[in-house]
Amino acid sequence: MKILVPVKRVVDYNVKVRVKADGTGVETANVKFSMNPFDEIAVEEAVRLKEAGKASEIVAVSIGPATAQETLRTALAMGADRAILVQTDAETQPLAVAKLLKALVDKEQPQIVLLGKQAIDDDCNQTGQMLAALLGWPQGTFASKVVPGDGVLTVTREIDGGLETVELTLPAVVTTDLRLNEPRYASLPNIMKAKKKPLDTVTPDSQGVDMAPRLKTLKVVEPAKRKAGVKIADVATLVDKLKNEARVI
């Protein structure tokens, strides 16, 4: 069973994001980048499935600039077998990414596409669902547990009311949630081995996909700063403020 794992290069989650002075986006110059945390969970789950003898090959895929090779090398160091970079300097938006992934799925013929539920830079939470729709495959989103069976995949999903378990007929698309696993740290020997693993580079044009953005960012602003709290003398004052100032009761 082959698993395709898309990974995205994003601003590291430990970095304090700063908005550009002109409001056109966030500052990315001299900023640390890393693999999207949800995609890291997807890579870890794919590696665990391979270690359990349920998968034969893991192919990591990334769409972005040449520097995204670093993210793919991280996936290779974690246990992926080979990688594909769809190199483009254009802005990546969910629909175009889903179309590119569909083109790669048609070529690679994996049984599972395993990816993070969302990227922490745009928080769209759309790519996995769009890909499943384009492929006509069943999907298991927000997965907190994945159990492979004979031609099926049992996925436990996190929903507002608790947990939901669905059985998907393979091939299928699965998006990962935080509680699925805890990603491993790549060891130094594996980091060195990853440098020799195959990494192919293709372009969106070679896959027949138009990367032209369909969404336009009008303005980016920082969240409003929280106001300082106040101390109150008694319960009556609290009720008065909640009723007349906050207007929540």
Protein backbone atom coordinates (compact mmCIF):
# COMPACT_ATOMS: atom_id res chain seq x y z
CA MET A 1 0.00 0.00 0.00
CA LYS A 2 1.39 3.38 -1.04
CA ILE A 3 0.74 6.51 1.02
CA LEU A 4 1.02 10.04 -0.37
CA VAL A 5 1.72 12.69 2.27
CA PRO A 6 1.48 16.37 1.25
CA VAL A 7 3.49 18.71 3.49
CA LYS A 8 3.60 22.51 3.57
CA ARG A 9 6.42 24.91 4.44
CA VAL A 10 5.09 27.52 6.87
CA VAL A 11 6.42 30.10 9.32
CA ASP A 12 7.53 28.15 12.40
CA TYR A 13 4.83 27.98 15.07
CA ASN A 14 7.25 29.37 17.68
CA VAL A 15 7.82 32.57 15.69
CA LYS A 16 5.84 35.68 16.67
CA VAL A 17 4.24 36.70 13.39
CA ARG A 18 4.53 40.38 12.43
CA VAL A 19 2.27 42.14 9.95
CA LYS A 20 3.96 44.13 7.19
CA ALA A 21 3.78 47.90 7.50
CA ASP A 22 1.72 48.19 4.30
CA GLY A 23 -0.80 45.56 5.48
CA THR A 24 -0.30 43.31 2.46
CA GLY A 25 0.66 40.23 4.48
CA VAL A 26 3.00 38.99 7.21
CA GLU A 27 6.75 39.48 7.38
CA THR A 28 8.66 36.48 6.05
CA ALA A 29 12.15 37.94 5.57
CA ASN A 30 14.72 36.41 7.94
CA VAL A 31 12.00 34.31 9.57
CA LYS A 32 12.36 30.65 10.51
CA PHE A 33 10.25 28.22 8.46
CA SER A 34 9.37 24.61 9.24
CA MET A 35 6.91 21.88 8.34
CA ASN A 36 3.27 22.59 9.11
CA PRO A 37 2.61 20.82 12.47
CA PHE A 38 -0.51 19.00 11.23
CA ASP A 39 1.44 17.69 8.23
CA GLU A 40 4.18 16.53 10.60
CA ILE A 41 1.54 14.42 12.35
CA ALA A 42 0.51 13.01 8.95
CA VAL A 43 4.10 12.01 8.15
CA GLU A 44 4.45 10.35 11.55
CA GLU A 45 1.23 8.36 11.07
CA ALA A 46 2.36 7.22 7.62
CA VAL A 47 5.69 6.07 9.04
CA ARG A 48 3.92 4.19 11.84
CA LEU A 49 1.70 2.42 9.29
CA LYS A 50 4.79 1.40 7.36
CA GLU A 51 6.55 0.19 10.51
CA ALA A 52 3.44 -1.90 11.30
CA GLY A 53 3.71 -3.53 7.88
CA LYS A 54 0.55 -1.87 6.56
CA ALA A 55 2.29 0.38 4.01
CA SER A 56 5.03 -0.33 1.50
CA GLU A 57 6.02 3.16 0.36
CA ILE A 58 5.63 6.75 1.59
CA VAL A 59 5.85 9.59 -0.91
CA ALA A 60 6.12 13.13 0.50
CA VAL A 61 4.92 16.01 -1.66
CA SER A 62 5.28 19.76 -1.26
CA ILE A 63 4.14 22.68 -3.39
CA GLY A 64 6.11 25.90 -3.15
CA PRO A 65 9.48 27.57 -3.77
CA ALA A 66 12.82 25.78 -4.06
CA THR A 67 13.40 26.28 -0.33
CA ALA A 68 10.53 23.81 0.32
CA GLN A 69 13.11 21.10 -0.35
CA GLU A 70 14.19 21.56 3.28
CA THR A 71 10.69 20.59 4.42
CA LEU A 72 10.73 17.53 2.19
CA ARG A 73 14.14 16.50 3.53
CA THR A 74 12.65 16.66 7.03
CA ALA A 75 9.88 14.29 5.91
CA LEU A 76 12.49 11.98 4.36
CA ALA A 77 14.48 12.04 7.61
CA MET A 78 11.34 11.08 9.54
CA GLY A 79 10.87 8.00 7.36
CA ALA A 80 9.40 8.90 3.95
CA ASP A 81 10.94 6.94 1.07
CA ARG A 82 11.03 9.63 -1.62
CA ALA A 83 9.78 13.13 -2.28
CA ILE A 84 8.30 15.29 -5.02
CA LEU A 85 8.52 19.09 -5.11
CA VAL A 86 6.09 20.99 -7.30
CA GLN A 87 8.20 24.12 -7.59
CA THR A 88 6.40 27.43 -7.92
CA ASP A 89 6.83 30.94 -6.56
CA ALA A 90 3.14 31.69 -7.05
CA GLU A 91 0.80 32.00 -4.07
CA THR A 92 -0.60 28.59 -3.17
CA GLN A 93 -4.34 28.47 -2.56
CA PRO A 94 -6.40 25.40 -1.59
CA LEU A 95 -8.14 24.71 -4.91
CA ALA A 96 -4.95 24.93 -6.99
CA VAL A 97 -3.12 22.76 -4.44
CA ALA A 98 -5.93 20.18 -4.56
CA LYS A 99 -5.77 20.10 -8.38
CA LEU A 100 -1.99 19.61 -8.28
CA LEU A 101 -2.34 16.82 -5.74
CA LYS A 102 -5.00 15.16 -7.90
CA ALA A 103 -2.59 15.20 -10.85
CA LEU A 104 0.09 13.56 -8.69
CA VAL A 105 -2.39 11.01 -7.30
CA ASP A 106 -3.37 10.07 -10.85
CA LYS A 107 0.32 9.48 -11.59
CA GLU A 108 1.41 7.81 -8.32
CA GLN A 109 -1.77 5.79 -7.65
CA PRO A 110 -1.55 5.76 -3.82
CA GLN A 111 -4.16 3.97 -1.70
CA ILE A 112 -4.18 6.69 0.98
CA VAL A 113 -3.57 10.44 0.84
CA LEU A 114 -2.70 11.48 4.39
CA LEU A 115 -2.38 15.22 5.11
CA GLY A 116 -2.84 17.74 7.89
CA LYS A 117 -6.36 19.07 8.45
CA GLN A 118 -5.14 22.65 7.90
CA ALA A 119 -2.04 24.80 7.57
CA ILE A 120 -1.24 27.21 10.39
CA ASP A 121 -0.51 30.10 8.03
CA ASP A 122 -3.89 30.43 6.29
CA ASP A 123 -6.04 28.10 8.47
CA CYS A 124 -8.19 27.29 5.42
CA ASN A 125 -8.96 23.64 6.28
CA GLN A 126 -10.07 23.03 2.68
CA THR A 127 -7.40 21.17 0.71
CA GLY A 128 -8.16 17.64 1.92
CA GLN A 129 -11.89 18.01 1.35
CA MET A 130 -11.39 19.55 -2.12
CA LEU A 131 -8.98 16.77 -3.09
CA ALA A 132 -11.44 14.07 -2.00
CA ALA A 133 -14.17 15.75 -4.07
CA LEU A 134 -11.96 16.01 -7.17
CA LEU A 135 -10.92 12.36 -6.85
CA GLY A 136 -14.36 11.08 -5.90
CA TRP A 137 -12.78 9.29 -2.91
CA PRO A 138 -14.22 8.83 0.59
CA GLN A 139 -12.72 11.10 3.22
CA GLY A 140 -12.05 10.97 6.95
CA THR A 141 -11.34 14.42 8.35
CA PHE A 142 -10.01 15.49 11.79
CA ALA A 143 -8.67 11.99 12.42
CA SER A 144 -7.60 11.13 15.98
CA LYS A 145 -7.19 7.40 15.25
CA VAL A 146 -6.53 5.47 12.04
CA VAL A 147 -6.87 1.67 11.85
CA PRO A 148 -6.23 -0.05 8.49
CA GLY A 149 -8.18 -3.17 7.57
CA ASP A 150 -8.69 -5.40 4.56
CA GLY A 151 -9.39 -2.86 1.81
CA VAL A 152 -10.86 -0.43 4.33
CA LEU A 153 -9.69 2.23 6.76
CA THR A 154 -11.42 2.87 10.09
CA VAL A 155 -11.05 6.51 11.13
CA THR A 156 -12.06 8.02 14.45
CA ARG A 157 -12.97 11.68 13.92
CA GLU A 158 -13.06 14.53 16.42
CA ILE A 159 -16.39 16.35 16.19
CA ASP A 160 -18.11 18.99 18.33
CA GLY A 161 -20.12 16.42 20.27
CA GLY A 162 -17.25 13.99 20.91
CA LEU A 163 -15.95 11.27 18.58
CA GLU A 164 -17.33 9.71 15.41
CA THR A 165 -16.01 6.51 13.81
CA VAL A 166 -16.29 6.01 10.04
CA GLU A 167 -15.18 3.17 7.78
CA LEU A 168 -13.70 4.24 4.45
CA THR A 169 -13.26 2.02 1.42
CA LEU A 170 -9.77 2.44 -0.01
CA PRO A 171 -8.50 4.49 -1.75
CA ALA A 172 -9.30 7.36 0.62
CA VAL A 173 -8.25 10.80 1.83
CA VAL A 174 -7.54 11.33 5.55
CA THR A 175 -6.77 14.63 7.31
CA THR A 176 -5.03 14.52 10.68
CA ASP A 177 -5.86 16.22 13.96
CA LEU A 178 -3.60 17.02 16.91
CA ARG A 179 -4.38 13.97 19.04
CA LEU A 180 -3.57 11.38 16.36
CA ASN A 181 0.06 11.02 17.49
CA GLU A 182 3.19 12.83 18.64
CA PRO A 183 5.72 13.23 15.80
CA ARG A 184 9.23 11.87 16.34
CA TYR A 185 12.43 13.86 16.13
CA ALA A 186 14.57 12.89 13.16
CA SER A 187 17.84 11.33 14.31
CA LEU A 188 21.17 12.54 12.96
CA PRO A 189 21.83 9.30 11.00
CA ASN A 190 18.39 9.57 9.39
CA ILE A 191 19.01 13.23 8.53
CA MET A 192 22.20 12.18 6.76
CA LYS A 193 20.43 9.32 4.96
CA ALA A 194 17.67 11.70 3.84
CA LYS A 195 20.19 13.64 1.76
CA LYS A 196 20.61 10.59 -0.48
CA LYS A 197 16.92 9.76 -0.87
CA PRO A 198 15.35 10.70 -4.24
CA LEU A 199 13.69 14.10 -4.52
CA ASP A 200 12.10 14.91 -7.89
CA THR A 201 11.15 18.42 -8.99
CA VAL A 202 8.26 19.18 -11.33
CA THR A 203 6.32 22.32 -12.24
CA PRO A 204 2.60 23.12 -12.17
CA ASP A 205 2.66 23.53 -15.96
CA SER A 206 3.97 19.99 -16.39
CA GLN A 207 0.97 18.79 -14.38
CA GLY A 208 -1.47 20.88 -16.42
CA VAL A 209 -2.58 23.03 -13.48
CA ASP A 210 -3.08 26.80 -13.47
CA MET A 211 -1.78 28.35 -10.24
CA ALA A 212 -3.38 31.78 -10.80
CA PRO A 213 -4.86 32.95 -7.45
CA ARG A 214 -8.65 33.03 -7.27
CA LEU A 215 -8.72 34.80 -3.91
CA LYS A 216 -7.30 38.26 -3.20
CA THR A 217 -6.09 39.42 0.20
CA LEU A 218 -7.38 42.94 0.69
CA LYS A 219 -5.68 43.75 3.98
CA VAL A 220 -3.95 42.08 6.92
CA VAL A 221 -4.14 43.65 10.39
CA GLU A 222 -2.97 42.61 13.83
CA PRO A 223 -5.60 41.61 16.41
CA ALA A 224 -6.76 44.39 18.70
CA LYS A 225 -4.90 44.50 21.99
CA ARG A 226 -6.83 43.25 24.99
CA LYS A 227 -7.97 45.88 27.44
CA ALA A 228 -6.73 45.73 31.01
CA GLY A 229 -9.00 44.08 33.55
CA VAL A 230 -10.67 45.89 36.43
CA LYS A 231 -11.33 44.97 40.03
CA ILE A 232 -14.87 45.18 41.36
CA ALA A 233 -16.10 45.62 44.89
CA ASP A 234 -19.01 43.20 45.04
CA VAL A 235 -21.32 40.85 43.15
CA ALA A 236 -23.89 43.60 42.53
CA THR A 237 -21.27 45.65 40.65
CA LEU A 238 -20.26 42.58 38.63
CA VAL A 239 -23.87 41.91 37.60
CA ASP A 240 -24.31 45.57 36.68
CA LYS A 241 -21.21 45.56 34.45
CA LEU A 242 -22.16 42.28 32.78
CA LYS A 243 -25.64 43.63 32.10
CA ASN A 244 -24.98 47.23 31.09
CA GLU A 245 -21.37 47.25 29.79
CA ALA A 246 -20.66 43.77 28.46
CA ARG A 247 -24.37 43.17 27.66
CA VAL A 248 -24.02 39.40 28.11
CA ILE A 249 -26.93 38.98 30.53
